Amino acid sequence: MGQYTAVIRQNGKFRIGWIVEISGVSSQRETREELLENLQSGLEEMLELNRELAYSGMENSSYETVCPNK
């Protein structure tokens, strides 16, 4: 898995956060550690779901793995 950016903000006694590059991955937790664990889990689930959706109906297609330039 590549690297992704988590934005974290304090909101009262909670921290809220989201992944910049993947829409829909967000969370709210009391500690930074809990928030990062939850964001990591959400990111993995969203990437897997996106893969499953992209691969559905690809019987006559091919695909390649690509990595962004560093």
N, C-alpha and C. Protein backbone atom coordinates (compact mmCIF):
# COMPACT_ATOMS: atom_id res chain seq x y z
N MET A 1 0.85 -1.17 0.00
CA MET A 1 0.00 0.00 0.00
C MET A 1 0.90 1.24 0.00
N GLY A 2 0.51 2.26 -0.73
CA GLY A 2 1.25 3.50 -0.78
C GLY A 2 1.10 4.31 0.50
N GLN A 3 1.56 5.52 0.45
CA GLN A 3 1.41 6.40 1.61
C GLN A 3 0.25 7.36 1.37
N TYR A 4 -0.47 7.63 2.44
CA TYR A 4 -1.63 8.50 2.37
C TYR A 4 -1.52 9.55 3.48
N THR A 5 -2.23 10.66 3.30
CA THR A 5 -2.17 11.77 4.24
C THR A 5 -3.40 11.79 5.13
N ALA A 6 -3.20 11.75 6.44
CA ALA A 6 -4.29 11.87 7.40
C ALA A 6 -4.29 13.29 7.97
N VAL A 7 -5.42 13.95 7.91
CA VAL A 7 -5.61 15.25 8.54
C VAL A 7 -6.28 14.99 9.88
N ILE A 8 -5.73 15.57 10.94
CA ILE A 8 -6.27 15.35 12.28
C ILE A 8 -6.53 16.71 12.93
N ARG A 9 -7.71 16.86 13.51
CA ARG A 9 -8.07 18.09 14.22
C ARG A 9 -8.64 17.74 15.58
N GLN A 10 -8.35 18.57 16.55
CA GLN A 10 -8.94 18.44 17.88
C GLN A 10 -10.31 19.09 17.84
N ASN A 11 -11.31 18.42 18.39
CA ASN A 11 -12.66 18.94 18.44
C ASN A 11 -13.22 18.63 19.83
N GLY A 12 -13.04 19.53 20.78
CA GLY A 12 -13.41 19.25 22.16
C GLY A 12 -12.50 18.16 22.70
N LYS A 13 -13.10 17.13 23.30
CA LYS A 13 -12.26 16.06 23.84
C LYS A 13 -11.94 15.00 22.78
N PHE A 14 -12.49 15.15 21.57
CA PHE A 14 -12.27 14.19 20.50
C PHE A 14 -11.30 14.71 19.46
N ARG A 15 -10.72 13.78 18.73
CA ARG A 15 -9.94 14.10 17.54
C ARG A 15 -10.72 13.56 16.35
N ILE A 16 -10.82 14.38 15.33
CA ILE A 16 -11.46 13.93 14.09
C ILE A 16 -10.39 13.89 13.01
N GLY A 17 -10.56 12.97 12.06
CA GLY A 17 -9.57 12.86 11.01
C GLY A 17 -10.14 12.24 9.76
N TRP A 18 -9.42 12.44 8.66
CA TRP A 18 -9.80 11.86 7.39
C TRP A 18 -8.56 11.68 6.53
N ILE A 19 -8.71 10.82 5.53
CA ILE A 19 -7.64 10.57 4.57
C ILE A 19 -7.87 11.48 3.38
N VAL A 20 -6.90 12.31 3.06
CA VAL A 20 -7.05 13.31 2.01
C VAL A 20 -7.29 12.68 0.65
N GLU A 21 -6.54 11.64 0.32
CA GLU A 21 -6.55 11.09 -1.03
C GLU A 21 -7.73 10.16 -1.33
N ILE A 22 -8.42 9.66 -0.31
CA ILE A 22 -9.51 8.69 -0.51
C ILE A 22 -10.79 9.22 0.14
N SER A 23 -11.71 9.63 -0.69
CA SER A 23 -12.98 10.16 -0.19
C SER A 23 -13.73 9.11 0.61
N GLY A 24 -14.30 9.51 1.72
CA GLY A 24 -15.13 8.61 2.51
C GLY A 24 -14.42 7.94 3.68
N VAL A 25 -13.11 8.14 3.82
CA VAL A 25 -12.38 7.53 4.93
C VAL A 25 -12.20 8.61 6.00
N SER A 26 -13.00 8.52 7.05
CA SER A 26 -12.93 9.49 8.14
C SER A 26 -13.30 8.80 9.45
N SER A 27 -12.95 9.45 10.56
CA SER A 27 -13.24 8.85 11.86
C SER A 27 -13.18 9.92 12.94
N GLN A 28 -13.65 9.55 14.13
CA GLN A 28 -13.59 10.39 15.32
C GLN A 28 -13.28 9.49 16.51
N ARG A 29 -12.26 9.83 17.28
CA ARG A 29 -11.87 9.05 18.46
C ARG A 29 -11.29 10.00 19.51
N GLU A 30 -11.17 9.49 20.73
CA GLU A 30 -10.64 10.31 21.82
C GLU A 30 -9.13 10.47 21.76
N THR A 31 -8.41 9.43 21.34
CA THR A 31 -6.95 9.53 21.31
C THR A 31 -6.44 9.50 19.88
N ARG A 32 -5.27 10.07 19.69
CA ARG A 32 -4.61 10.08 18.37
C ARG A 32 -4.36 8.66 17.90
N GLU A 33 -3.90 7.80 18.80
CA GLU A 33 -3.58 6.42 18.44
C GLU A 33 -4.83 5.67 17.96
N GLU A 34 -5.94 5.83 18.69
CA GLU A 34 -7.20 5.19 18.28
C GLU A 34 -7.66 5.70 16.92
N LEU A 35 -7.52 7.00 16.73
CA LEU A 35 -7.94 7.61 15.47
C LEU A 35 -7.11 7.07 14.31
N LEU A 36 -5.80 7.02 14.46
CA LEU A 36 -4.94 6.53 13.39
C LEU A 36 -5.21 5.05 13.09
N GLU A 37 -5.44 4.25 14.11
CA GLU A 37 -5.79 2.84 13.89
C GLU A 37 -7.09 2.72 13.11
N ASN A 38 -8.08 3.52 13.48
CA ASN A 38 -9.37 3.48 12.80
C ASN A 38 -9.26 3.96 11.35
N LEU A 39 -8.48 5.01 11.13
CA LEU A 39 -8.28 5.50 9.76
C LEU A 39 -7.56 4.45 8.91
N GLN A 40 -6.56 3.79 9.48
CA GLN A 40 -5.83 2.74 8.76
C GLN A 40 -6.79 1.63 8.35
N SER A 41 -7.62 1.18 9.28
CA SER A 41 -8.58 0.13 9.01
C SER A 41 -9.57 0.56 7.93
N GLY A 42 -10.09 1.77 8.05
CA GLY A 42 -11.03 2.30 7.07
C GLY A 42 -10.41 2.43 5.70
N LEU A 43 -9.15 2.84 5.65
CA LEU A 43 -8.44 2.97 4.39
C LEU A 43 -8.29 1.61 3.71
N GLU A 44 -7.87 0.60 4.47
CA GLU A 44 -7.71 -0.74 3.92
C GLU A 44 -9.04 -1.27 3.37
N GLU A 45 -10.11 -1.07 4.13
CA GLU A 45 -11.43 -1.53 3.69
C GLU A 45 -11.88 -0.81 2.42
N MET A 46 -11.67 0.51 2.36
CA MET A 46 -12.10 1.27 1.19
C MET A 46 -11.30 0.87 -0.05
N LEU A 47 -9.99 0.66 0.10
CA LEU A 47 -9.17 0.24 -1.04
C LEU A 47 -9.61 -1.13 -1.55
N GLU A 48 -9.91 -2.05 -0.63
CA GLU A 48 -10.37 -3.38 -1.03
C GLU A 48 -11.72 -3.29 -1.74
N LEU A 49 -12.63 -2.49 -1.22
CA LEU A 49 -13.93 -2.31 -1.86
C LEU A 49 -13.77 -1.72 -3.26
N ASN A 50 -12.92 -0.70 -3.39
CA ASN A 50 -12.67 -0.09 -4.70
C ASN A 50 -12.11 -1.12 -5.68
N ARG A 51 -11.18 -1.98 -5.20
CA ARG A 51 -10.63 -3.04 -6.05
C ARG A 51 -11.72 -3.99 -6.52
N GLU A 52 -12.54 -4.45 -5.59
CA GLU A 52 -13.62 -5.38 -5.93
C GLU A 52 -14.57 -4.78 -6.96
N LEU A 53 -14.93 -3.51 -6.78
CA LEU A 53 -15.82 -2.85 -7.72
C LEU A 53 -15.16 -2.71 -9.09
N ALA A 54 -13.88 -2.36 -9.11
CA ALA A 54 -13.18 -2.18 -10.37
C ALA A 54 -13.02 -3.49 -11.12
N TYR A 55 -12.80 -4.59 -10.41
CA TYR A 55 -12.57 -5.89 -11.04
C TYR A 55 -13.85 -6.61 -11.44
N SER A 56 -14.97 -6.21 -10.90
CA SER A 56 -16.22 -6.89 -11.24
C SER A 56 -16.53 -6.67 -12.72
N GLY A 57 -16.87 -7.73 -13.40
CA GLY A 57 -17.21 -7.63 -14.81
C GLY A 57 -16.01 -7.49 -15.73
N MET A 58 -14.82 -7.91 -15.29
CA MET A 58 -13.61 -7.76 -16.11
C MET A 58 -13.21 -9.06 -16.81
N GLU A 59 -14.15 -9.92 -17.17
CA GLU A 59 -13.83 -11.22 -17.76
C GLU A 59 -12.94 -11.10 -18.98
N ASN A 60 -13.17 -10.13 -19.84
CA ASN A 60 -12.42 -9.98 -21.09
C ASN A 60 -11.46 -8.81 -21.04
N SER A 61 -10.99 -8.47 -19.86
CA SER A 61 -10.12 -7.32 -19.69
C SER A 61 -8.81 -7.74 -19.05
N SER A 62 -7.83 -6.89 -19.16
CA SER A 62 -6.58 -7.11 -18.45
C SER A 62 -6.33 -5.91 -17.56
N TYR A 63 -5.42 -6.07 -16.62
CA TYR A 63 -5.10 -4.95 -15.75
C TYR A 63 -3.62 -4.99 -15.41
N GLU A 64 -3.09 -3.85 -15.06
CA GLU A 64 -1.69 -3.67 -14.70
C GLU A 64 -1.60 -2.97 -13.36
N THR A 65 -0.57 -3.27 -12.61
CA THR A 65 -0.30 -2.58 -11.36
C THR A 65 0.65 -1.41 -11.66
N VAL A 66 0.30 -0.22 -11.20
CA VAL A 66 1.13 0.96 -11.40
C VAL A 66 1.41 1.62 -10.07
N CYS A 67 2.53 2.29 -10.00
CA CYS A 67 2.91 3.05 -8.81
C CYS A 67 3.20 4.48 -9.22
N PRO A 68 2.79 5.44 -8.40
CA PRO A 68 3.08 6.83 -8.74
C PRO A 68 4.58 7.10 -8.68
N ASN A 69 5.02 8.07 -9.47
CA ASN A 69 6.43 8.48 -9.44
C ASN A 69 6.77 9.10 -8.11
N LYS A 70 7.97 8.85 -7.67
CA LYS A 70 8.40 9.42 -6.38
C LYS A 70 9.35 10.56 -6.61
